[in-house]
Amino acid sequence: MQTLAVTETITTIAEAEIRFGLNRSESQDFFTEWHDQLPEINPNDRTNLEILWKRYIYHRSGGHLLEGTVMLLLVSPLLTVAGLYDPPFRIKAEESVQITVADSEEILQGRIDVLVLKDRLWIIVLESKKTMLSVWSALPQTLAYLMASPNSDLPTFGMLTNGDDIVFVKLENQKYAMSRVFAPLTTQSELESVCRVLRRIAETVSRIGNSEQAE
């Protein structure tokens, strides 16, 4: 894949839009997967998510967590509960990509690590050793990754997280949209909502895969 060279040069949303001819969709019907017909959480899953949430809160209370710890404590267990480590999903890991974000006071250095599930769902985990990077800072690189997916005319999704915040992205036919920001650090119900969104997206991704195989 040629994603690394692309993501290193795409540092703003405007650059991603110009480079790939993207347009942000304002239609409520474009990205329904993050808010409409979400699967319910059963009692066993709710118990597992409660344990996950309390564990993350405990470790997070000691200070900012690096990417590997966020992956270990939050992302991987969440994907397990959501069923995204099971068939028909398969994981492949992309190389880490360095990112530089300029704010009003300093240049923030970080990186993003990526997991790709079934070529349709990209999990983007941010790391910053000095200051926690906003999930929005990885959106340009995420759009570049999604554009590099096979059959970019079909729906492709991304989940961006720095541990504290989670945002979902959908790309289809050079249009993209984002979900609201979920903040699992605040309440357990936010983590449950994220799990429901993941399962809803998983249903869409699986349906796309079945359609491609039928063809």
Protein backbone atom coordinates (compact mmCIF):
# COMPACT_ATOMS: atom_id res chain seq x y z
CA MET A 1 0.00 0.00 0.00
CA GLN A 2 1.15 3.56 -0.66
CA THR A 3 -0.44 5.11 2.40
CA LEU A 4 2.69 6.13 4.30
CA ALA A 5 3.95 8.64 1.75
CA VAL A 6 0.47 10.11 1.48
CA THR A 7 -0.20 10.44 5.19
CA GLU A 8 3.14 12.12 5.81
CA THR A 9 2.22 14.94 3.44
CA ILE A 10 -1.46 15.34 4.39
CA THR A 11 -1.51 17.43 7.57
CA THR A 12 -4.78 19.37 7.32
CA ILE A 13 -8.35 18.55 6.39
CA ALA A 14 -8.19 21.13 3.60
CA GLU A 15 -5.15 19.37 2.11
CA ALA A 16 -6.97 16.02 2.24
CA GLU A 17 -10.02 17.52 0.56
CA ILE A 18 -7.97 19.08 -2.24
CA ARG A 19 -5.64 16.10 -2.71
CA PHE A 20 -8.44 13.54 -2.96
CA GLY A 21 -11.34 15.69 -4.15
CA LEU A 22 -13.25 15.10 -0.93
CA ASN A 23 -16.33 16.90 0.29
CA ARG A 24 -17.82 16.80 3.76
CA SER A 25 -21.42 15.62 3.73
CA GLU A 26 -23.90 17.57 5.82
CA SER A 27 -26.74 15.12 5.14
CA GLN A 28 -28.19 13.39 8.21
CA ASP A 29 -28.78 10.33 6.03
CA PHE A 30 -25.17 9.88 4.94
CA PHE A 31 -23.67 8.51 8.15
CA THR A 32 -26.53 6.84 10.01
CA GLU A 33 -24.36 4.03 11.34
CA TRP A 34 -23.25 6.04 14.37
CA HIS A 35 -26.75 6.94 15.64
CA ASP A 36 -29.51 4.92 13.96
CA GLN A 37 -30.70 1.36 14.68
CA LEU A 38 -27.84 0.62 17.06
CA PRO A 39 -27.72 -2.94 18.46
CA GLU A 40 -28.59 -3.33 22.12
CA ILE A 41 -26.05 -4.28 24.77
CA ASN A 42 -26.83 -7.45 26.71
CA PRO A 43 -26.22 -7.75 30.49
CA ASN A 44 -23.02 -9.78 30.06
CA ASP A 45 -21.53 -7.21 27.67
CA ARG A 46 -22.57 -4.39 30.00
CA THR A 47 -20.72 -6.11 32.86
CA ASN A 48 -17.59 -6.53 30.74
CA LEU A 49 -17.74 -2.90 29.64
CA GLU A 50 -18.14 -1.78 33.25
CA ILE A 51 -14.97 -3.68 34.20
CA LEU A 52 -13.17 -2.20 31.20
CA TRP A 53 -14.33 1.32 32.04
CA LYS A 54 -13.32 1.12 35.70
CA ARG A 55 -9.92 -0.31 34.78
CA TYR A 56 -9.28 2.47 32.27
CA ILE A 57 -10.38 5.18 34.72
CA TYR A 58 -8.07 3.73 37.39
CA HIS A 59 -4.99 3.80 35.17
CA ARG A 60 -5.91 7.10 33.50
CA SER A 61 -6.14 8.80 36.91
CA GLY A 62 -2.37 8.41 37.17
CA GLY A 63 -1.72 10.64 34.16
CA HIS A 64 -1.76 10.58 30.35
CA LEU A 65 -1.46 7.11 28.82
CA LEU A 66 0.74 6.32 25.84
CA GLU A 67 -0.60 4.65 22.71
CA GLY A 68 0.44 1.13 23.66
CA THR A 69 -1.32 1.41 27.02
CA VAL A 70 -4.47 2.85 25.44
CA MET A 71 -4.47 -0.06 23.01
CA LEU A 72 -3.99 -2.57 25.84
CA LEU A 73 -6.46 -1.10 28.32
CA LEU A 74 -9.19 0.28 26.06
CA VAL A 75 -9.10 -0.42 22.35
CA SER A 76 -8.31 -4.13 22.29
CA PRO A 77 -10.80 -5.11 25.04
CA LEU A 78 -13.45 -2.93 23.39
CA LEU A 79 -12.96 -4.63 20.02
CA THR A 80 -13.20 -7.98 21.81
CA VAL A 81 -16.55 -7.13 23.41
CA ALA A 82 -17.81 -5.74 20.10
CA GLY A 83 -16.89 -9.02 18.37
CA LEU A 84 -14.45 -7.50 15.90
CA TYR A 85 -11.71 -10.03 16.58
CA ASP A 86 -13.98 -12.85 15.44
CA PRO A 87 -15.00 -14.08 11.93
CA PRO A 88 -15.50 -12.61 9.41
CA PHE A 89 -13.04 -9.95 10.60
CA ARG A 90 -9.29 -10.25 10.27
CA ILE A 91 -6.68 -7.81 11.53
CA LYS A 92 -3.66 -6.40 9.84
CA ALA A 93 -1.42 -3.77 11.40
CA GLU A 94 -0.03 -0.82 9.49
CA GLU A 95 3.27 0.85 10.31
CA SER A 96 3.17 3.77 12.70
CA VAL A 97 3.02 7.20 11.09
CA GLN A 98 4.59 10.26 12.69
CA ILE A 99 2.39 13.35 12.87
CA THR A 100 3.19 16.97 13.70
CA VAL A 101 0.48 19.36 14.79
CA ALA A 102 1.05 23.08 15.32
CA ASP A 103 -1.11 24.75 17.96
CA SER A 104 -1.00 28.34 19.20
CA GLU A 105 1.99 27.76 21.45
CA GLU A 106 4.12 24.85 20.27
CA ILE A 107 4.63 22.00 17.84
CA LEU A 108 3.14 18.77 19.16
CA GLN A 109 4.79 15.52 18.14
CA GLY A 110 2.96 12.22 18.13
CA ARG A 111 2.15 9.20 16.05
CA ILE A 112 -0.79 7.10 14.98
CA ASP A 113 -0.94 3.35 15.00
CA VAL A 114 -3.46 1.63 12.78
CA LEU A 115 -5.36 -1.62 12.79
CA VAL A 116 -7.32 -2.56 9.69
CA LEU A 117 -10.29 -4.90 10.01
CA LYS A 118 -11.61 -6.53 6.84
CA ASP A 119 -10.24 -3.60 4.74
CA ARG A 120 -13.31 -1.55 5.68
CA LEU A 121 -12.77 -0.47 9.28
CA TRP A 122 -9.61 1.36 10.34
CA ILE A 123 -8.81 1.80 14.02
CA ILE A 124 -6.60 4.85 14.56
CA VAL A 125 -4.90 5.20 17.97
CA LEU A 126 -2.99 8.41 18.72
CA GLU A 127 0.02 8.81 20.93
CA SER A 128 1.74 11.90 22.22
CA LYS A 129 4.56 11.69 24.73
CA LYS A 130 4.20 15.29 25.90
CA THR A 131 0.67 16.53 25.30
CA MET A 132 -2.44 14.55 24.56
CA LEU A 133 -3.26 15.11 20.90
CA SER A 134 -6.84 15.80 19.90
CA VAL A 135 -8.53 13.06 17.89
CA TRP A 136 -9.21 15.68 15.23
CA SER A 137 -5.47 16.03 14.61
CA ALA A 138 -5.43 12.57 12.99
CA LEU A 139 -8.45 13.16 10.75
CA PRO A 140 -6.42 14.24 7.66
CA GLN A 141 -4.24 11.12 7.85
CA THR A 142 -7.30 8.97 8.50
CA LEU A 143 -8.98 10.26 5.35
CA ALA A 144 -5.80 9.41 3.44
CA TYR A 145 -5.86 5.89 4.83
CA LEU A 146 -9.52 5.43 3.94
CA MET A 147 -8.91 6.67 0.40
CA ALA A 148 -6.19 4.02 0.05
CA SER A 149 -8.67 1.23 0.83
CA PRO A 150 -9.73 -1.11 -1.99
CA ASN A 151 -12.94 -0.01 -3.75
CA SER A 152 -13.08 3.45 -2.21
CA ASP A 153 -16.51 3.93 -3.80
CA LEU A 154 -17.87 1.56 -1.15
CA PRO A 155 -18.40 2.69 2.48
CA THR A 156 -15.24 2.69 4.60
CA PHE A 157 -15.08 3.59 8.27
CA GLY A 158 -12.53 4.79 10.78
CA MET A 159 -12.47 5.01 14.56
CA LEU A 160 -10.07 7.62 15.97
CA THR A 161 -9.16 7.65 19.64
CA ASN A 162 -6.62 9.07 22.03
CA GLY A 163 -8.21 7.10 24.88
CA ASP A 164 -10.22 9.98 26.31
CA ASP A 165 -12.21 10.76 23.15
CA ILE A 166 -13.51 8.62 20.29
CA VAL A 167 -14.75 9.82 16.89
CA PHE A 168 -16.06 7.75 13.99
CA VAL A 169 -15.59 8.67 10.33
CA LYS A 170 -17.32 7.41 7.20
CA LEU A 171 -16.03 7.81 3.63
CA GLU A 172 -17.98 6.91 0.50
CA ASN A 173 -17.81 8.20 -3.07
CA GLN A 174 -15.37 10.95 -2.00
CA LYS A 175 -17.79 12.21 0.62
CA TYR A 176 -17.05 11.96 4.31
CA ALA A 177 -18.73 12.70 7.63
CA MET A 178 -17.93 12.38 11.32
CA SER A 179 -19.87 11.29 14.36
CA ARG A 180 -20.13 13.30 17.52
CA VAL A 181 -17.27 12.98 19.98
CA PHE A 182 -17.78 10.12 22.42
CA ALA A 183 -16.03 10.62 25.76
CA PRO A 184 -15.67 7.28 27.58
CA LEU A 185 -13.63 9.01 30.29
CA THR A 186 -16.81 10.72 31.50
CA THR A 187 -19.37 7.92 31.89
CA GLN A 188 -19.68 4.20 31.30
CA SER A 189 -22.70 4.82 29.07
CA GLU A 190 -20.41 6.57 26.57
CA LEU A 191 -18.34 3.40 26.28
CA GLU A 192 -21.52 1.37 25.78
CA SER A 193 -22.55 3.74 22.99
CA VAL A 194 -19.17 3.27 21.30
CA CYS A 195 -19.57 -0.50 21.47
CA ARG A 196 -23.03 -0.26 19.88
CA VAL A 197 -21.68 1.94 17.07
CA LEU A 198 -18.86 -0.53 16.43
CA ARG A 199 -21.36 -3.38 16.12
CA ARG A 200 -23.56 -1.34 13.81
CA ILE A 201 -20.59 -0.54 11.58
CA ALA A 202 -19.53 -4.19 11.74
CA GLU A 203 -22.94 -5.19 10.37
CA THR A 204 -22.50 -2.80 7.45
CA VAL A 205 -18.94 -3.96 6.77
CA SER A 206 -19.99 -7.62 6.85
CA ARG A 207 -22.87 -6.92 4.49
CA ILE A 208 -20.50 -5.21 2.06
CA GLY A 209 -18.14 -8.19 2.23
CA ASN A 210 -20.95 -10.64 1.52
CA SER A 211 -22.09 -8.57 -1.46
CA GLU A 212 -18.56 -8.47 -2.88
CA GLN A 213 -18.24 -12.25 -2.53
CA ALA A 214 -21.61 -12.78 -4.22
CA GLU A 215 -20.37 -10.82 -7.21
